Amino acid sequence: MSAITDTAERRHDPYPSRLPEERWLPRQDQTVWSQWCPDAPLTAQQTDHFDRDGFIVLRDLFSKEEVKALMQESVALRGGERELEEGSVITEPGSDEVRTIFKLPEQSPLFNRLASDRRVADTASYLLGDEVYIHQSRLNYKPGFTGKEFYWHSDFETWHAEDGMPRMRAVSAALLLTDNDALNGPLMLMPGSHNHFIACAGETPEDNYKSSLKKQEAGTPSHEALAKLAKEHGIHAATAKAGTLVLFDCNTMHGSNGNITPFARSNAFFVFNAVSNQLEEPFGAKKPRPEFLGFRGEPKPVEIASGKLASDSA
């Protein structure tokens, strides 16, 4: 038994991973942490949908003008018009094409405003039954012709093993900045997969994040596990127009295909963690990943903001 695994078990880890052999473990946390009421940001039906499937697709949530403003800002971020923090930009494997930009609120006032928007942050707070803070944020860009796939994974497995997130009390919010269709590598999710924790085989390599951000290998389920999950739950492609918000549980199995079309795909991601679920020491790694991948300070709750991000007449 490795020292990492031994330490995790001595800490009474409910979700041990990075083990000698892959294991299936039942979920031990709620998916929806709030009791529905008429003034909730989601309907009772939408809440039940998220609880059952581990995700929900909210269409036409942001206007065309809001999306336009966000796209203009994302182009400026990718194009070198903004001074970005060192290490916050990840390129595509084998090229200089921008794949991901992290720490969006810190590097863009407009994306900072988006992170606190009632349509996003208040809904996350409702689902998690707590005030929330931003665990991680990123702009995912999948360029035309060369955009590589994101392999199947549970975010929680990585956040738990490598960042020290103790419980499944986090949710991702992905705002589609471009149309995501069946051809340009949309987000794919396995409905209901959030109820299974796949404890992955293998130890965590030193500084694993340096390679996993380009191509994830450690912390991914076996083909046999993925086939079983897909057979049991199916696969849903979150195809939708720009302005759609996709909310998904931290343990929902998801991934995306490569993009060999001429049409780029761009999505903004914000990971909201419950303030009561702040990070501890990693459960499956010798040291935590850098803070741009998982905020480790004292959580500061997001202050919810209302109103449009951009004027419809802009």
C-alpha atoms as a PDB file:
ATOM      1  CA  MET A   1       0.000   0.000   0.000  1.00  0.00           C
ATOM      2  CA  SER A   2       1.399   3.429  -0.904  1.00  0.00           C
ATOM      3  CA  ALA A   3       2.040   6.119   1.688  1.00  0.00           C
ATOM      4  CA  ILE A   4      -0.526   8.322  -0.068  1.00  0.00           C
ATOM      5  CA  THR A   5      -3.267   5.685   0.096  1.00  0.00           C
ATOM      6  CA  ASP A   6      -2.380   4.833   3.695  1.00  0.00           C
ATOM      7  CA  THR A   7      -2.662   8.488   4.686  1.00  0.00           C
ATOM      8  CA  ALA A   8      -6.035   8.805   2.930  1.00  0.00           C
ATOM      9  CA  GLU A   9      -7.452   5.765   4.708  1.00  0.00           C
ATOM     10  CA  ARG A  10      -6.194   6.947   8.093  1.00  0.00           C
ATOM     11  CA  ARG A  11      -8.078  10.193   7.470  1.00  0.00           C
ATOM     12  CA  HIS A  12     -11.292   8.184   7.068  1.00  0.00           C
ATOM     13  CA  ASP A  13     -11.544   9.208   3.444  1.00  0.00           C
ATOM     14  CA  PRO A  14     -15.053   8.396   2.137  1.00  0.00           C
ATOM     15  CA  TYR A  15     -13.799   8.525  -1.455  1.00  0.00           C
ATOM     16  CA  PRO A  16     -10.331   6.937  -1.627  1.00  0.00           C
ATOM     17  CA  SER A  17      -8.874   6.901  -5.143  1.00  0.00           C
ATOM     18  CA  ARG A  18      -5.548   6.435  -6.963  1.00  0.00           C
ATOM     19  CA  LEU A  19      -5.545   2.852  -5.645  1.00  0.00           C
ATOM     20  CA  PRO A  20      -3.756  -0.325  -6.790  1.00  0.00           C
ATOM     21  CA  GLU A  21      -7.028  -1.429  -8.411  1.00  0.00           C
ATOM     22  CA  GLU A  22     -10.094   0.428  -9.653  1.00  0.00           C
ATOM     23  CA  ARG A  23     -13.124   0.324  -7.353  1.00  0.00           C
ATOM     24  CA  TRP A  24     -16.760   1.445  -7.487  1.00  0.00           C
ATOM     25  CA  LEU A  25     -17.982   3.295  -4.400  1.00  0.00           C
ATOM     26  CA  PRO A  26     -21.482   4.628  -3.663  1.00  0.00           C
ATOM     27  CA  ARG A  27     -22.049   8.358  -3.375  1.00  0.00           C
ATOM     28  CA  GLN A  28     -22.321   9.416   0.258  1.00  0.00           C
ATOM     29  CA  ASP A  29     -23.393  13.031  -0.264  1.00  0.00           C
ATOM     30  CA  GLN A  30     -26.559  14.749  -1.413  1.00  0.00           C
ATOM     31  CA  THR A  31     -26.814  16.115  -4.939  1.00  0.00           C
ATOM     32  CA  VAL A  32     -29.295  18.907  -4.161  1.00  0.00           C
ATOM     33  CA  TRP A  33     -28.702  20.385  -0.706  1.00  0.00           C
ATOM     34  CA  SER A  34     -31.662  22.802  -0.518  1.00  0.00           C
ATOM     35  CA  GLN A  35     -35.344  22.155  -0.032  1.00  0.00           C
ATOM     36  CA  TRP A  36     -37.283  23.492  -3.017  1.00  0.00           C
ATOM     37  CA  CYS A  37     -39.572  26.480  -2.447  1.00  0.00           C
ATOM     38  CA  PRO A  38     -41.510  28.727  -4.860  1.00  0.00           C
ATOM     39  CA  ASP A  39     -38.859  31.477  -4.868  1.00  0.00           C
ATOM     40  CA  ALA A  40     -36.002  29.082  -5.704  1.00  0.00           C
ATOM     41  CA  PRO A  41     -33.975  29.958  -8.827  1.00  0.00           C
ATOM     42  CA  LEU A  42     -34.973  26.619 -10.411  1.00  0.00           C
ATOM     43  CA  THR A  43     -38.425  25.106 -10.735  1.00  0.00           C
ATOM     44  CA  ALA A  44     -39.315  21.963  -8.802  1.00  0.00           C
ATOM     45  CA  GLN A  45     -39.097  19.989 -12.055  1.00  0.00           C
ATOM     46  CA  GLN A  46     -35.658  21.426 -12.895  1.00  0.00           C
ATOM     47  CA  THR A  47     -34.450  20.664  -9.382  1.00  0.00           C
ATOM     48  CA  ASP A  48     -35.633  17.064  -9.653  1.00  0.00           C
ATOM     49  CA  HIS A  49     -33.961  16.808 -13.060  1.00  0.00           C
ATOM     50  CA  PHE A  50     -30.617  17.926 -11.627  1.00  0.00           C
ATOM     51  CA  ASP A  51     -30.967  15.566  -8.675  1.00  0.00           C
ATOM     52  CA  ARG A  52     -31.726  12.619 -10.981  1.00  0.00           C
ATOM     53  CA  ASP A  53     -29.314  13.264 -13.856  1.00  0.00           C
ATOM     54  CA  GLY A  54     -26.526  15.237 -12.176  1.00  0.00           C
ATOM     55  CA  PHE A  55     -26.857  18.100 -14.671  1.00  0.00           C
ATOM     56  CA  ILE A  56     -29.329  20.484 -16.273  1.00  0.00           C
ATOM     57  CA  VAL A  57     -29.266  22.545 -19.486  1.00  0.00           C
ATOM     58  CA  LEU A  58     -30.813  26.031 -19.166  1.00  0.00           C
ATOM     59  CA  ARG A  59     -31.344  27.456 -22.642  1.00  0.00           C
ATOM     60  CA  ASP A  60     -31.466  31.125 -23.698  1.00  0.00           C
ATOM     61  CA  LEU A  61     -30.413  32.315 -20.258  1.00  0.00           C
ATOM     62  CA  PHE A  62     -28.155  35.085 -21.566  1.00  0.00           C
ATOM     63  CA  SER A  63     -29.006  37.496 -24.362  1.00  0.00           C
ATOM     64  CA  LYS A  64     -27.186  37.800 -27.690  1.00  0.00           C
ATOM     65  CA  GLU A  65     -25.701  41.126 -26.605  1.00  0.00           C
ATOM     66  CA  GLU A  66     -24.389  39.647 -23.369  1.00  0.00           C
ATOM     67  CA  VAL A  67     -22.816  36.744 -25.246  1.00  0.00           C
ATOM     68  CA  LYS A  68     -21.339  39.134 -27.805  1.00  0.00           C
ATOM     69  CA  ALA A  69     -19.667  41.165 -25.059  1.00  0.00           C
ATOM     70  CA  LEU A  70     -18.291  38.020 -23.416  1.00  0.00           C
ATOM     71  CA  MET A  71     -16.986  36.711 -26.740  1.00  0.00           C
ATOM     72  CA  GLN A  72     -15.238  39.996 -27.478  1.00  0.00           C
ATOM     73  CA  GLU A  73     -13.598  39.777 -24.058  1.00  0.00           C
ATOM     74  CA  SER A  74     -12.571  36.166 -24.605  1.00  0.00           C
ATOM     75  CA  VAL A  75     -10.989  37.043 -27.956  1.00  0.00           C
ATOM     76  CA  ALA A  76      -9.012  39.810 -26.236  1.00  0.00           C
ATOM     77  CA  LEU A  77      -7.847  37.384 -23.543  1.00  0.00           C
ATOM     78  CA  ARG A  78      -6.751  34.765 -26.074  1.00  0.00           C
ATOM     79  CA  GLY A  79      -5.224  37.265 -28.468  1.00  0.00           C
ATOM     80  CA  GLY A  80      -2.725  38.791 -26.084  1.00  0.00           C
ATOM     81  CA  GLU A  81      -4.607  42.077 -25.577  1.00  0.00           C
ATOM     82  CA  ARG A  82      -4.664  41.467 -21.820  1.00  0.00           C
ATOM     83  CA  GLU A  83      -1.708  40.875 -19.534  1.00  0.00           C
ATOM     84  CA  LEU A  84      -2.341  37.406 -18.125  1.00  0.00           C
ATOM     85  CA  GLU A  85      -0.869  35.797 -15.033  1.00  0.00           C
ATOM     86  CA  GLU A  86       2.082  33.544 -15.656  1.00  0.00           C
ATOM     87  CA  GLY A  87       1.054  29.895 -15.866  1.00  0.00           C
ATOM     88  CA  SER A  88      -2.649  30.623 -16.342  1.00  0.00           C
ATOM     89  CA  VAL A  89      -2.644  29.825 -20.082  1.00  0.00           C
ATOM     90  CA  ILE A  90      -2.592  26.224 -21.342  1.00  0.00           C
ATOM     91  CA  THR A  91      -1.996  25.492 -25.032  1.00  0.00           C
ATOM     92  CA  GLU A  92      -3.158  22.593 -27.180  1.00  0.00           C
ATOM     93  CA  PRO A  93      -0.958  19.481 -27.241  1.00  0.00           C
ATOM     94  CA  GLY A  94       1.596  19.924 -30.011  1.00  0.00           C
ATOM     95  CA  SER A  95       0.718  23.537 -30.868  1.00  0.00           C
ATOM     96  CA  ASP A  96       0.604  27.110 -29.537  1.00  0.00           C
ATOM     97  CA  GLU A  97      -3.191  27.343 -29.900  1.00  0.00           C
ATOM     98  CA  VAL A  98      -4.784  28.456 -26.622  1.00  0.00           C
ATOM     99  CA  ARG A  99      -6.701  25.602 -24.999  1.00  0.00           C
ATOM    100  CA  THR A 100      -7.564  27.051 -21.580  1.00  0.00           C
ATOM    101  CA  ILE A 101      -7.213  30.321 -19.673  1.00  0.00           C
ATOM    102  CA  PHE A 102      -7.618  30.022 -15.896  1.00  0.00           C
ATOM    103  CA  LYS A 103      -8.514  32.587 -13.209  1.00  0.00           C
ATOM    104  CA  LEU A 104     -11.088  34.455 -15.285  1.00  0.00           C
ATOM    105  CA  PRO A 105     -12.499  36.743 -12.548  1.00  0.00           C
ATOM    106  CA  GLU A 106      -9.013  37.877 -11.537  1.00  0.00           C
ATOM    107  CA  GLN A 107      -8.079  38.714 -15.125  1.00  0.00           C
ATOM    108  CA  SER A 108     -11.279  40.207 -16.509  1.00  0.00           C
ATOM    109  CA  PRO A 109     -13.832  42.555 -14.887  1.00  0.00           C
ATOM    110  CA  LEU A 110     -16.537  41.279 -17.237  1.00  0.00           C
ATOM    111  CA  PHE A 111     -15.953  37.617 -16.387  1.00  0.00           C
ATOM    112  CA  ASN A 112     -15.750  38.612 -12.726  1.00  0.00           C
ATOM    113  CA  ARG A 113     -19.224  40.079 -13.095  1.00  0.00           C
ATOM    114  CA  LEU A 114     -20.419  36.905 -14.835  1.00  0.00           C
ATOM    115  CA  ALA A 115     -19.103  34.772 -11.975  1.00  0.00           C
ATOM    116  CA  SER A 116     -21.310  36.637  -9.503  1.00  0.00           C
ATOM    117  CA  ASP A 117     -24.386  36.864 -11.744  1.00  0.00           C
ATOM    118  CA  ARG A 118     -27.605  35.761 -10.068  1.00  0.00           C
ATOM    119  CA  ARG A 119     -28.435  33.432 -12.964  1.00  0.00           C
ATOM    120  CA  VAL A 120     -25.218  31.522 -12.290  1.00  0.00           C
ATOM    121  CA  ALA A 121     -23.964  31.953  -8.724  1.00  0.00           C
ATOM    122  CA  ASP A 122     -27.353  32.096  -6.987  1.00  0.00           C
ATOM    123  CA  THR A 123     -28.426  28.879  -8.713  1.00  0.00           C
ATOM    124  CA  ALA A 124     -25.193  27.182  -7.636  1.00  0.00           C
ATOM    125  CA  SER A 125     -25.737  28.381  -4.064  1.00  0.00           C
ATOM    126  CA  TYR A 126     -29.260  26.976  -4.103  1.00  0.00           C
ATOM    127  CA  LEU A 127     -28.126  23.571  -5.352  1.00  0.00           C
ATOM    128  CA  LEU A 128     -25.345  23.393  -2.748  1.00  0.00           C
ATOM    129  CA  GLY A 129     -27.401  24.769   0.132  1.00  0.00           C
ATOM    130  CA  ASP A 130     -24.651  27.147   1.223  1.00  0.00           C
ATOM    131  CA  GLU A 131     -22.827  30.306   0.313  1.00  0.00           C
ATOM    132  CA  VAL A 132     -20.377  29.571  -2.485  1.00  0.00           C
ATOM    133  CA  TYR A 133     -16.923  30.628  -3.574  1.00  0.00           C
ATOM    134  CA  ILE A 134     -15.040  30.021  -6.814  1.00  0.00           C
ATOM    135  CA  HIS A 135     -12.867  26.942  -6.564  1.00  0.00           C
ATOM    136  CA  GLN A 136     -11.677  27.237 -10.165  1.00  0.00           C
ATOM    137  CA  SER A 137     -12.549  29.206 -13.288  1.00  0.00           C
ATOM    138  CA  ARG A 138     -11.458  28.840 -16.868  1.00  0.00           C
ATOM    139  CA  LEU A 139     -12.150  29.707 -20.481  1.00  0.00           C
ATOM    140  CA  ASN A 140     -12.135  26.507 -22.531  1.00  0.00           C
ATOM    141  CA  TYR A 141     -11.447  27.108 -26.190  1.00  0.00           C
ATOM    142  CA  LYS A 142     -11.573  24.342 -28.759  1.00  0.00           C
ATOM    143  CA  PRO A 143     -10.202  25.773 -32.027  1.00  0.00           C
ATOM    144  CA  GLY A 144     -11.400  24.615 -35.409  1.00  0.00           C
ATOM    145  CA  PHE A 145      -9.570  21.665 -37.040  1.00  0.00           C
ATOM    146  CA  THR A 146      -7.068  21.218 -34.172  1.00  0.00           C
ATOM    147  CA  GLY A 147      -9.107  21.286 -30.940  1.00  0.00           C
ATOM    148  CA  LYS A 148      -8.317  18.122 -28.981  1.00  0.00           C
ATOM    149  CA  GLU A 149     -10.678  16.006 -26.924  1.00  0.00           C
ATOM    150  CA  PHE A 150     -11.179  16.171 -23.157  1.00  0.00           C
ATOM    151  CA  TYR A 151     -11.205  12.556 -21.988  1.00  0.00           C
ATOM    152  CA  TRP A 152     -13.926  11.112 -19.745  1.00  0.00           C
ATOM    153  CA  HIS A 153     -13.499  12.002 -16.083  1.00  0.00           C
ATOM    154  CA  SER A 154     -15.182  12.992 -12.851  1.00  0.00           C
ATOM    155  CA  ASP A 155     -13.944  16.405 -11.736  1.00  0.00           C
ATOM    156  CA  PHE A 156     -14.409  15.448  -8.109  1.00  0.00           C
ATOM    157  CA  GLU A 157     -11.971  12.556  -8.397  1.00  0.00           C
ATOM    158  CA  THR A 158      -9.200  15.010  -9.306  1.00  0.00           C
ATOM    159  CA  TRP A 159     -10.312  17.773  -6.948  1.00  0.00           C
ATOM    160  CA  HIS A 160     -10.498  15.282  -4.081  1.00  0.00           C
ATOM    161  CA  ALA A 161      -7.257  13.414  -4.810  1.00  0.00           C
ATOM    162  CA  GLU A 162      -5.073  16.327  -5.927  1.00  0.00           C
ATOM    163  CA  ASP A 163      -6.674  19.444  -4.360  1.00  0.00           C
ATOM    164  CA  GLY A 164      -8.144  18.055  -1.127  1.00  0.00           C
ATOM    165  CA  MET A 165     -11.845  18.835  -1.708  1.00  0.00           C
ATOM    166  CA  PRO A 166     -13.428  16.724   1.065  1.00  0.00           C
ATOM    167  CA  ARG A 167     -17.028  16.151  -0.088  1.00  0.00           C
ATOM    168  CA  MET A 168     -19.172  16.189  -3.237  1.00  0.00           C
ATOM    169  CA  ARG A 169     -20.560  19.660  -2.603  1.00  0.00           C
ATOM    170  CA  ALA A 170     -19.458  21.574  -5.696  1.00  0.00           C
ATOM    171  CA  VAL A 171     -21.073  22.345  -9.023  1.00  0.00           C
ATOM    172  CA  SER A 172     -19.724  23.477 -12.405  1.00  0.00           C
ATOM    173  CA  ALA A 173     -21.444  26.168 -14.449  1.00  0.00           C
ATOM    174  CA  ALA A 174     -20.552  26.202 -18.152  1.00  0.00           C
ATOM    175  CA  LEU A 175     -21.817  29.134 -20.197  1.00  0.00           C
ATOM    176  CA  LEU A 176     -21.754  28.429 -23.931  1.00  0.00           C
ATOM    177  CA  LEU A 177     -20.171  31.415 -25.695  1.00  0.00           C
ATOM    178  CA  THR A 178     -20.535  29.809 -29.127  1.00  0.00           C
ATOM    179  CA  ASP A 179     -23.072  27.381 -30.496  1.00  0.00           C
ATOM    180  CA  ASN A 180     -22.165  23.862 -29.379  1.00  0.00           C
ATOM    181  CA  ASP A 181     -23.447  21.329 -31.894  1.00  0.00           C
ATOM    182  CA  ALA A 182     -22.963  17.636 -32.522  1.00  0.00           C
ATOM    183  CA  LEU A 183     -19.964  18.311 -34.778  1.00  0.00           C
ATOM    184  CA  ASN A 184     -17.637  20.692 -32.924  1.00  0.00           C
ATOM    185  CA  GLY A 185     -16.942  18.705 -29.767  1.00  0.00           C
ATOM    186  CA  PRO A 186     -19.766  19.564 -27.351  1.00  0.00           C
ATOM    187  CA  LEU A 187     -19.744  18.665 -23.683  1.00  0.00           C
ATOM    188  CA  MET A 188     -20.971  15.098 -23.190  1.00  0.00           C
ATOM    189  CA  LEU A 189     -22.361  13.850 -19.881  1.00  0.00           C
ATOM    190  CA  MET A 190     -23.590  10.512 -18.536  1.00  0.00           C
ATOM    191  CA  PRO A 191     -26.922  11.166 -16.767  1.00  0.00           C
ATOM    192  CA  GLY A 192     -27.080   9.508 -13.369  1.00  0.00           C
ATOM    193  CA  SER A 193     -23.352   8.726 -13.284  1.00  0.00           C
ATOM    194  CA  HIS A 194     -22.879  11.148 -10.387  1.00  0.00           C
ATOM    195  CA  ASN A 195     -24.268   8.479  -8.040  1.00  0.00           C
ATOM    196  CA  HIS A 196     -21.200   6.275  -8.606  1.00  0.00           C
ATOM    197  CA  PHE A 197     -17.685   7.208  -7.509  1.00  0.00           C
ATOM    198  CA  ILE A 198     -15.091   5.459  -9.637  1.00  0.00           C
ATOM    199  CA  ALA A 199     -11.968   5.133  -7.504  1.00  0.00           C
ATOM    200  CA  CYS A 200      -9.258   5.144 -10.166  1.00  0.00           C
ATOM    201  CA  ALA A 201      -6.204   2.900 -10.282  1.00  0.00           C
ATOM    202  CA  GLY A 202      -2.638   4.154 -10.140  1.00  0.00           C
ATOM    203  CA  GLU A 203      -0.701   6.660  -8.066  1.00  0.00           C
ATOM    204  CA  THR A 204      -0.563  10.366  -8.827  1.00  0.00           C
ATOM    205  CA  PRO A 205       2.590  11.344 -10.751  1.00  0.00           C
ATOM    206  CA  GLU A 206       4.702  14.208  -9.446  1.00  0.00           C
ATOM    207  CA  ASP A 207       3.329  17.549 -10.727  1.00  0.00           C
ATOM    208  CA  ASN A 208       0.670  15.632 -12.617  1.00  0.00           C
ATOM    209  CA  TYR A 209      -1.194  18.831 -13.533  1.00  0.00           C
ATOM    210  CA  LYS A 210       1.562  19.883 -15.941  1.00  0.00           C
ATOM    211  CA  SER A 211       0.610  17.092 -18.327  1.00  0.00           C
ATOM    212  CA  SER A 212      -3.007  16.406 -17.294  1.00  0.00           C
ATOM    213  CA  LEU A 213      -4.163  19.885 -18.365  1.00  0.00           C
ATOM    214  CA  LYS A 214      -3.192  18.956 -21.908  1.00  0.00           C
ATOM    215  CA  LYS A 215      -4.037  15.252 -21.783  1.00  0.00           C
ATOM    216  CA  GLN A 216      -5.481  13.647 -18.681  1.00  0.00           C
ATOM    217  CA  GLU A 217      -4.370  10.104 -17.919  1.00  0.00           C
ATOM    218  CA  ALA A 218      -4.098   9.722 -14.132  1.00  0.00           C
ATOM    219  CA  GLY A 219      -7.522   9.796 -12.513  1.00  0.00           C
ATOM    220  CA  THR A 220      -9.448   8.487 -15.516  1.00  0.00           C
ATOM    221  CA  PRO A 221     -11.697   5.411 -15.357  1.00  0.00           C
ATOM    222  CA  SER A 222     -10.956   2.224 -17.263  1.00  0.00           C
ATOM    223  CA  HIS A 223     -12.642   1.477 -20.567  1.00  0.00           C
ATOM    224  CA  GLU A 224     -14.588  -1.277 -18.799  1.00  0.00           C
ATOM    225  CA  ALA A 225     -15.935   1.161 -16.192  1.00  0.00           C
ATOM    226  CA  LEU A 226     -16.851   3.752 -18.818  1.00  0.00           C
ATOM    227  CA  ALA A 227     -18.599   1.138 -20.954  1.00  0.00           C
ATOM    228  CA  LYS A 228     -20.593  -0.048 -17.948  1.00  0.00           C
ATOM    229  CA  LEU A 229     -21.567   3.517 -17.021  1.00  0.00           C
ATOM    230  CA  ALA A 230     -22.568   4.340 -20.594  1.00  0.00           C
ATOM    231  CA  LYS A 231     -24.627   1.147 -20.906  1.00  0.00           C
ATOM    232  CA  GLU A 232     -26.411   1.904 -17.642  1.00  0.00           C
ATOM    233  CA  HIS A 233     -26.905   5.646 -18.060  1.00  0.00           C
ATOM    234  CA  GLY A 234     -26.402   6.551 -21.713  1.00  0.00           C
ATOM    235  CA  ILE A 235     -24.596   9.637 -22.993  1.00  0.00           C
ATOM    236  CA  HIS A 236     -26.134  13.087 -23.430  1.00  0.00           C
ATOM    237  CA  ALA A 237     -24.500  15.676 -25.686  1.00  0.00           C
ATOM    238  CA  ALA A 238     -25.178  19.191 -24.368  1.00  0.00           C
ATOM    239  CA  THR A 239     -25.795  20.707 -27.795  1.00  0.00           C
ATOM    240  CA  ALA A 240     -27.297  24.182 -27.570  1.00  0.00           C
ATOM    241  CA  LYS A 241     -27.042  27.759 -28.778  1.00  0.00           C
ATOM    242  CA  ALA A 242     -24.700  30.355 -27.325  1.00  0.00           C
ATOM    243  CA  GLY A 243     -26.149  31.851 -24.148  1.00  0.00           C
ATOM    244  CA  THR A 244     -27.097  28.453 -22.715  1.00  0.00           C
ATOM    245  CA  LEU A 245     -25.936  27.541 -19.203  1.00  0.00           C
ATOM    246  CA  VAL A 246     -25.051  23.933 -18.366  1.00  0.00           C
ATOM    247  CA  LEU A 247     -24.900  23.120 -14.658  1.00  0.00           C
ATOM    248  CA  PHE A 248     -23.429  19.785 -13.621  1.00  0.00           C
ATOM    249  CA  ASP A 249     -22.517  18.048 -10.391  1.00  0.00           C
ATOM    250  CA  CYS A 250     -18.849  17.684  -9.495  1.00  0.00           C
ATOM    251  CA  ASN A 251     -19.030  13.886  -9.811  1.00  0.00           C
ATOM    252  CA  THR A 252     -20.906  13.647 -13.126  1.00  0.00           C
ATOM    253  CA  MET A 253     -18.854  11.716 -15.685  1.00  0.00           C
ATOM    254  CA  HIS A 254     -18.198  13.970 -18.682  1.00  0.00           C
ATOM    255  CA  GLY A 255     -15.862  14.622 -21.589  1.00  0.00           C
ATOM    256  CA  SER A 256     -15.832  15.903 -25.154  1.00  0.00           C
ATOM    257  CA  ASN A 257     -14.634  14.847 -28.597  1.00  0.00           C
ATOM    258  CA  GLY A 258     -12.035  16.658 -30.663  1.00  0.00           C
ATOM    259  CA  ASN A 259     -13.078  19.349 -33.112  1.00  0.00           C
ATOM    260  CA  ILE A 260     -12.116  18.754 -36.740  1.00  0.00           C
ATOM    261  CA  THR A 261     -14.692  21.198 -38.102  1.00  0.00           C
ATOM    262  CA  PRO A 262     -13.790  24.785 -39.060  1.00  0.00           C
ATOM    263  CA  PHE A 263     -16.073  26.041 -36.275  1.00  0.00           C
ATOM    264  CA  ALA A 264     -14.408  26.872 -32.977  1.00  0.00           C
ATOM    265  CA  ARG A 265     -16.109  26.095 -29.672  1.00  0.00           C
ATOM    266  CA  SER A 266     -15.748  28.348 -26.644  1.00  0.00           C
ATOM    267  CA  ASN A 267     -17.228  27.931 -23.150  1.00  0.00           C
ATOM    268  CA  ALA A 268     -16.664  29.759 -19.851  1.00  0.00           C
ATOM    269  CA  PHE A 269     -16.513  27.531 -16.757  1.00  0.00           C
ATOM    270  CA  PHE A 270     -16.941  28.474 -13.123  1.00  0.00           C
ATOM    271  CA  VAL A 271     -16.657  25.873 -10.379  1.00  0.00           C
ATOM    272  CA  PHE A 272     -18.607  26.845  -7.275  1.00  0.00           C
ATOM    273  CA  ASN A 273     -17.721  25.106  -4.031  1.00  0.00           C
ATOM    274  CA  ALA A 274     -19.708  25.345  -0.797  1.00  0.00           C
ATOM    275  CA  VAL A 275     -17.975  27.566   1.771  1.00  0.00           C
ATOM    276  CA  SER A 276     -18.348  24.697   4.265  1.00  0.00           C
ATOM    277  CA  ASN A 277     -16.444  22.388   1.879  1.00  0.00           C
ATOM    278  CA  GLN A 278     -13.133  24.254   1.692  1.00  0.00           C
ATOM    279  CA  LEU A 279     -10.016  22.389   0.691  1.00  0.00           C
ATOM    280  CA  GLU A 280      -7.873  20.259   2.981  1.00  0.00           C
ATOM    281  CA  GLU A 281      -4.613  18.492   2.222  1.00  0.00           C
ATOM    282  CA  PRO A 282      -4.820  16.316  -0.926  1.00  0.00           C
ATOM    283  CA  PHE A 283      -6.237  12.841  -0.406  1.00  0.00           C
ATOM    284  CA  GLY A 284      -4.225  11.213  -3.205  1.00  0.00           C
ATOM    285  CA  ALA A 285      -1.182  13.353  -3.951  1.00  0.00           C
ATOM    286  CA  LYS A 286       1.957  14.406  -2.078  1.00  0.00           C
ATOM    287  CA  LYS A 287       1.237  18.113  -2.466  1.00  0.00           C
ATOM    288  CA  PRO A 288      -1.657  20.255  -3.725  1.00  0.00           C
ATOM    289  CA  ARG A 289      -1.834  21.643  -7.217  1.00  0.00           C
ATOM    290  CA  PRO A 290      -1.184  25.385  -7.771  1.00  0.00           C
ATOM    291  CA  GLU A 291      -3.864  27.765  -6.529  1.00  0.00           C
ATOM    292  CA  PHE A 292      -5.040  28.718 -10.031  1.00  0.00           C
ATOM    293  CA  LEU A 293      -6.428  25.154 -10.189  1.00  0.00           C
ATOM    294  CA  GLY A 294      -7.977  25.138  -6.730  1.00  0.00           C
ATOM    295  CA  PHE A 295      -8.358  28.115  -4.394  1.00  0.00           C
ATOM    296  CA  ARG A 296      -6.743  27.318  -1.036  1.00  0.00           C
ATOM    297  CA  GLY A 297      -7.218  30.519   0.971  1.00  0.00           C
ATOM    298  CA  GLU A 298     -10.032  31.492   3.293  1.00  0.00           C
ATOM    299  CA  PRO A 299     -13.184  31.240   1.146  1.00  0.00           C
ATOM    300  CA  LYS A 300     -14.813  34.566   0.351  1.00  0.00           C
ATOM    301  CA  PRO A 301     -18.490  34.054  -0.527  1.00  0.00           C
ATOM    302  CA  VAL A 302     -19.547  35.345  -3.928  1.00  0.00           C
ATOM    303  CA  GLU A 303     -21.644  38.509  -3.689  1.00  0.00           C
ATOM    304  CA  ILE A 304     -24.652  37.911  -5.918  1.00  0.00           C
ATOM    305  CA  ALA A 305     -25.234  40.557  -8.609  1.00  0.00           C
ATOM    306  CA  SER A 306     -28.351  41.197 -10.673  1.00  0.00           C
ATOM    307  CA  GLY A 307     -29.013  42.864 -14.019  1.00  0.00           C
ATOM    308  CA  LYS A 308     -27.706  42.499 -17.545  1.00  0.00           C
ATOM    309  CA  LEU A 309     -24.018  42.062 -18.312  1.00  0.00           C
ATOM    310  CA  ALA A 310     -24.380  44.236 -21.411  1.00  0.00           C
ATOM    311  CA  SER A 311     -27.070  46.493 -22.771  1.00  0.00           C
ATOM    312  CA  ASP A 312     -29.289  45.039 -25.487  1.00  0.00           C
ATOM    313  CA  SER A 313     -28.710  48.257 -27.423  1.00  0.00           C
ATOM    314  CA  ALA A 314     -24.912  48.097 -27.077  1.00  0.00           C
END
